[in-house]
Each structure stands twice: as C-alpha cells, then as structure tokens.
Amino acid sequence: MKNFRSLFTPDGDFTNDTFRVELLGGKLDEGYIFNRWGNEIKRFDNDNREWDGKTTSGEPVQDGVYTYILFYTPTNKIRETVHGFVTVIR
C-alpha cells in the first residue's frame, strides 16, 4: 500500500482537496472513515477511493481528526488491514 496524505483541506481551492487511497498492486476490498464517536462517515471500495470531506449524506464534516480503516488484498497475498488518522482542515 502506498503512503498517502494524512491531512487535507477540502476548501474548494483545487489544492489538497481530497483524501485518496492509492494501492500499488492489489485490490481495496473495503474501507471506512469514522468520526470521534465511531459513526461511519465514508465508505470506500476498489472503485471509490476518494473522500472529499463530506458525510455520506453530503454534509461537510467539521475540522478535526478522523479514523480510517482499510482492508485490502495485495497481489497474490492474503487480505491485510491498515488503519490510521486523517485530519481535515478547512
């Protein structure tokens, strides 16, 4: 799995506006972003790997730190998990 930004600024200036999951060889099975209360904010799959800082209902999230967890399968390997934090600053 390729490293990706852990901070982004979805403020519409076309610079660093999204959080994107990038894989080099393999498939993203599923992934999630949660708020501090454990509520699911975003769901990822292999065809949808980008977050624009909005909830699933289209509302902008508040500035803050969000948790991500990703389940992926590297080429010719078993399923793996990675998790961490992403910061939103507007």
N, C-alpha and C. Protein backbone atom coordinates (compact mmCIF):
# COMPACT_ATOMS: atom_id res chain seq x y z
N MET A 1 0.85 -1.17 0.00
CA MET A 1 0.00 0.00 0.00
C MET A 1 0.89 1.23 0.00
N LYS A 2 0.57 2.15 -0.84
CA LYS A 2 1.33 3.39 -0.94
C LYS A 2 0.91 4.34 0.19
N ASN A 3 1.87 5.07 0.71
CA ASN A 3 1.54 6.08 1.71
C ASN A 3 0.71 7.19 1.07
N PHE A 4 -0.13 7.79 1.85
CA PHE A 4 -0.94 8.90 1.35
C PHE A 4 -1.04 9.96 2.42
N ARG A 5 -1.49 11.12 2.01
CA ARG A 5 -1.59 12.25 2.93
C ARG A 5 -2.46 11.91 4.13
N SER A 6 -2.09 12.39 5.27
CA SER A 6 -2.93 12.21 6.44
C SER A 6 -3.55 13.54 6.87
N LEU A 7 -3.43 14.54 6.02
CA LEU A 7 -4.05 15.84 6.26
C LEU A 7 -4.50 16.38 4.92
N PHE A 8 -5.74 16.89 4.87
CA PHE A 8 -6.18 17.53 3.64
C PHE A 8 -7.10 18.69 3.97
N THR A 9 -7.27 19.55 2.97
CA THR A 9 -8.01 20.80 3.16
C THR A 9 -9.10 20.92 2.11
N PRO A 10 -10.27 20.33 2.36
CA PRO A 10 -11.35 20.35 1.37
C PRO A 10 -12.07 21.70 1.34
N ASP A 11 -11.35 22.73 0.90
CA ASP A 11 -11.90 24.09 0.91
C ASP A 11 -12.23 24.62 -0.49
N GLY A 12 -12.13 23.75 -1.51
CA GLY A 12 -12.53 24.15 -2.85
C GLY A 12 -11.50 24.93 -3.64
N ASP A 13 -10.25 25.00 -3.16
CA ASP A 13 -9.24 25.77 -3.88
C ASP A 13 -8.46 24.90 -4.89
N PHE A 14 -8.90 23.65 -5.08
CA PHE A 14 -8.30 22.70 -6.02
C PHE A 14 -6.88 22.28 -5.65
N THR A 15 -6.48 22.52 -4.41
CA THR A 15 -5.19 22.08 -3.91
C THR A 15 -5.42 21.27 -2.64
N ASN A 16 -5.01 20.00 -2.66
CA ASN A 16 -5.12 19.15 -1.48
C ASN A 16 -6.56 19.06 -0.97
N ASP A 17 -7.52 18.95 -1.91
CA ASP A 17 -8.94 18.96 -1.55
C ASP A 17 -9.51 17.59 -1.20
N THR A 18 -8.78 16.51 -1.45
CA THR A 18 -9.32 15.18 -1.18
C THR A 18 -8.30 14.29 -0.48
N PHE A 19 -8.82 13.30 0.17
CA PHE A 19 -8.04 12.21 0.77
C PHE A 19 -8.23 11.02 -0.16
N ARG A 20 -7.15 10.50 -0.72
CA ARG A 20 -7.25 9.43 -1.71
C ARG A 20 -6.41 8.23 -1.28
N VAL A 21 -7.02 7.06 -1.38
CA VAL A 21 -6.35 5.80 -1.10
C VAL A 21 -5.74 5.31 -2.40
N GLU A 22 -4.42 5.06 -2.40
CA GLU A 22 -3.74 4.57 -3.59
C GLU A 22 -3.05 3.25 -3.27
N LEU A 23 -3.27 2.27 -4.13
CA LEU A 23 -2.64 0.96 -3.99
C LEU A 23 -1.73 0.72 -5.18
N LEU A 24 -0.59 0.12 -4.91
CA LEU A 24 0.31 -0.30 -5.97
C LEU A 24 0.29 -1.83 -5.99
N GLY A 25 -0.49 -2.40 -6.86
CA GLY A 25 -0.63 -3.84 -6.92
C GLY A 25 -1.55 -4.33 -5.82
N GLY A 26 -2.69 -4.79 -6.19
CA GLY A 26 -3.63 -5.29 -5.20
C GLY A 26 -4.99 -4.65 -5.38
N LYS A 27 -5.89 -4.99 -4.47
CA LYS A 27 -7.27 -4.53 -4.56
C LYS A 27 -7.74 -4.04 -3.20
N LEU A 28 -8.39 -2.90 -3.19
CA LEU A 28 -9.02 -2.39 -1.98
C LEU A 28 -10.36 -3.11 -1.84
N ASP A 29 -10.49 -3.93 -0.80
CA ASP A 29 -11.72 -4.67 -0.59
C ASP A 29 -12.81 -3.78 -0.01
N GLU A 30 -12.46 -3.06 1.03
CA GLU A 30 -13.39 -2.12 1.66
C GLU A 30 -12.60 -1.21 2.59
N GLY A 31 -13.18 -0.08 2.89
CA GLY A 31 -12.54 0.87 3.79
C GLY A 31 -13.57 1.81 4.36
N TYR A 32 -13.23 2.42 5.48
CA TYR A 32 -14.18 3.28 6.19
C TYR A 32 -13.46 4.45 6.82
N ILE A 33 -14.19 5.54 6.98
CA ILE A 33 -13.75 6.67 7.80
C ILE A 33 -14.81 6.86 8.87
N PHE A 34 -14.33 7.03 10.11
CA PHE A 34 -15.22 7.20 11.25
C PHE A 34 -14.92 8.52 11.96
N ASN A 35 -15.95 9.11 12.55
CA ASN A 35 -15.73 10.30 13.37
C ASN A 35 -15.33 9.88 14.78
N ARG A 36 -15.13 10.82 15.66
CA ARG A 36 -14.64 10.53 17.01
C ARG A 36 -15.61 9.71 17.84
N TRP A 37 -16.88 9.65 17.44
CA TRP A 37 -17.88 8.87 18.16
C TRP A 37 -18.08 7.49 17.55
N GLY A 38 -17.30 7.17 16.51
CA GLY A 38 -17.39 5.87 15.89
C GLY A 38 -18.45 5.75 14.81
N ASN A 39 -19.04 6.89 14.43
CA ASN A 39 -20.03 6.87 13.36
C ASN A 39 -19.34 6.82 12.00
N GLU A 40 -19.84 5.98 11.11
CA GLU A 40 -19.28 5.87 9.77
C GLU A 40 -19.59 7.14 8.98
N ILE A 41 -18.53 7.76 8.43
CA ILE A 41 -18.66 8.99 7.66
C ILE A 41 -18.53 8.71 6.17
N LYS A 42 -17.66 7.77 5.82
CA LYS A 42 -17.37 7.46 4.41
C LYS A 42 -17.07 5.99 4.27
N ARG A 43 -17.48 5.42 3.14
CA ARG A 43 -17.18 4.01 2.82
C ARG A 43 -16.42 3.97 1.50
N PHE A 44 -15.33 3.23 1.47
CA PHE A 44 -14.51 3.06 0.27
C PHE A 44 -14.69 1.66 -0.30
N ASP A 45 -14.45 1.53 -1.60
CA ASP A 45 -14.28 0.23 -2.24
C ASP A 45 -13.26 0.41 -3.36
N ASN A 46 -13.02 -0.63 -4.13
CA ASN A 46 -11.98 -0.55 -5.14
C ASN A 46 -12.27 0.50 -6.22
N ASP A 47 -13.54 0.81 -6.46
CA ASP A 47 -13.90 1.80 -7.47
C ASP A 47 -14.10 3.20 -6.90
N ASN A 48 -14.16 3.31 -5.60
CA ASN A 48 -14.43 4.59 -4.93
C ASN A 48 -13.40 4.77 -3.82
N ARG A 49 -12.29 5.42 -4.14
CA ARG A 49 -11.16 5.53 -3.20
C ARG A 49 -10.88 6.95 -2.75
N GLU A 50 -11.78 7.87 -2.93
CA GLU A 50 -11.50 9.26 -2.62
C GLU A 50 -12.56 9.81 -1.67
N TRP A 51 -12.11 10.65 -0.74
CA TRP A 51 -13.02 11.31 0.20
C TRP A 51 -12.86 12.81 0.05
N ASP A 52 -13.98 13.51 -0.11
CA ASP A 52 -13.98 14.95 -0.30
C ASP A 52 -14.28 15.75 0.96
N GLY A 53 -14.28 15.09 2.11
CA GLY A 53 -14.53 15.78 3.37
C GLY A 53 -16.00 15.97 3.67
N LYS A 54 -16.86 15.16 3.04
CA LYS A 54 -18.30 15.24 3.29
C LYS A 54 -18.79 13.90 3.82
N THR A 55 -19.90 13.95 4.54
CA THR A 55 -20.53 12.74 5.04
C THR A 55 -21.21 12.01 3.89
N THR A 56 -21.71 10.82 4.17
CA THR A 56 -22.42 10.06 3.13
C THR A 56 -23.67 10.78 2.67
N SER A 57 -24.21 11.68 3.50
CA SER A 57 -25.40 12.46 3.10
C SER A 57 -25.03 13.77 2.42
N GLY A 58 -23.73 14.04 2.24
CA GLY A 58 -23.29 15.22 1.50
C GLY A 58 -22.99 16.46 2.33
N GLU A 59 -23.06 16.33 3.64
CA GLU A 59 -22.76 17.47 4.52
C GLU A 59 -21.26 17.57 4.78
N PRO A 60 -20.68 18.77 4.74
CA PRO A 60 -19.25 18.91 5.07
C PRO A 60 -19.00 18.54 6.53
N VAL A 61 -17.91 17.79 6.77
CA VAL A 61 -17.56 17.46 8.15
C VAL A 61 -16.85 18.64 8.79
N GLN A 62 -16.82 18.65 10.10
CA GLN A 62 -16.11 19.69 10.84
C GLN A 62 -14.61 19.44 10.77
N ASP A 63 -13.83 20.50 10.99
CA ASP A 63 -12.40 20.32 11.14
C ASP A 63 -12.16 19.31 12.26
N GLY A 64 -11.14 18.50 12.11
CA GLY A 64 -10.84 17.56 13.16
C GLY A 64 -10.11 16.34 12.64
N VAL A 65 -9.94 15.37 13.53
CA VAL A 65 -9.22 14.15 13.22
C VAL A 65 -10.24 13.01 13.08
N TYR A 66 -10.09 12.24 12.02
CA TYR A 66 -10.97 11.13 11.71
C TYR A 66 -10.14 9.86 11.59
N THR A 67 -10.75 8.73 11.90
CA THR A 67 -10.06 7.44 11.85
C THR A 67 -10.41 6.74 10.55
N TYR A 68 -9.40 6.14 9.91
CA TYR A 68 -9.67 5.31 8.74
C TYR A 68 -9.21 3.89 9.00
N ILE A 69 -9.91 2.95 8.38
CA ILE A 69 -9.50 1.54 8.39
C ILE A 69 -9.74 1.01 6.99
N LEU A 70 -8.73 0.34 6.46
CA LEU A 70 -8.78 -0.16 5.09
C LEU A 70 -8.45 -1.65 5.08
N PHE A 71 -9.22 -2.42 4.33
CA PHE A 71 -8.99 -3.84 4.14
C PHE A 71 -8.63 -4.02 2.67
N TYR A 72 -7.47 -4.58 2.40
CA TYR A 72 -7.03 -4.72 1.02
C TYR A 72 -6.32 -6.05 0.83
N THR A 73 -6.26 -6.49 -0.42
CA THR A 73 -5.59 -7.74 -0.76
C THR A 73 -4.47 -7.45 -1.74
N PRO A 74 -3.22 -7.53 -1.30
CA PRO A 74 -2.09 -7.35 -2.22
C PRO A 74 -2.09 -8.47 -3.26
N THR A 75 -1.52 -8.22 -4.41
CA THR A 75 -1.44 -9.23 -5.46
C THR A 75 -0.80 -10.51 -4.91
N ASN A 76 -1.49 -11.63 -5.09
CA ASN A 76 -1.00 -12.96 -4.69
C ASN A 76 -0.72 -13.09 -3.19
N LYS A 77 -1.47 -12.38 -2.37
CA LYS A 77 -1.26 -12.47 -0.92
C LYS A 77 -2.60 -12.55 -0.21
N ILE A 78 -2.55 -12.64 1.11
CA ILE A 78 -3.78 -12.69 1.90
C ILE A 78 -4.21 -11.28 2.28
N ARG A 79 -5.46 -11.15 2.63
CA ARG A 79 -6.05 -9.86 2.98
C ARG A 79 -5.31 -9.22 4.17
N GLU A 80 -5.10 -7.91 4.07
CA GLU A 80 -4.42 -7.16 5.12
C GLU A 80 -5.27 -5.97 5.54
N THR A 81 -4.92 -5.42 6.69
CA THR A 81 -5.64 -4.27 7.24
C THR A 81 -4.65 -3.18 7.59
N VAL A 82 -5.03 -1.94 7.34
CA VAL A 82 -4.24 -0.80 7.76
C VAL A 82 -5.21 0.23 8.33
N HIS A 83 -4.78 0.91 9.38
CA HIS A 83 -5.63 1.95 9.96
C HIS A 83 -4.76 3.11 10.42
N GLY A 84 -5.40 4.24 10.57
CA GLY A 84 -4.69 5.43 10.98
C GLY A 84 -5.65 6.60 11.12
N PHE A 85 -5.10 7.79 11.00
CA PHE A 85 -5.88 9.00 11.21
C PHE A 85 -5.68 9.96 10.05
N VAL A 86 -6.71 10.72 9.76
CA VAL A 86 -6.65 11.75 8.75
C VAL A 86 -7.23 13.03 9.36
N THR A 87 -6.57 14.14 9.14
CA THR A 87 -7.00 15.42 9.69
C THR A 87 -7.62 16.27 8.60
N VAL A 88 -8.77 16.85 8.91
CA VAL A 88 -9.45 17.76 7.98
C VAL A 88 -9.30 19.19 8.52
N ILE A 89 -8.77 20.06 7.67
CA ILE A 89 -8.64 21.49 8.00
C ILE A 89 -9.24 22.27 6.84
N ARG A 90 -10.18 23.11 7.11
CA ARG A 90 -10.83 23.90 6.04
C ARG A 90 -10.23 25.28 5.98
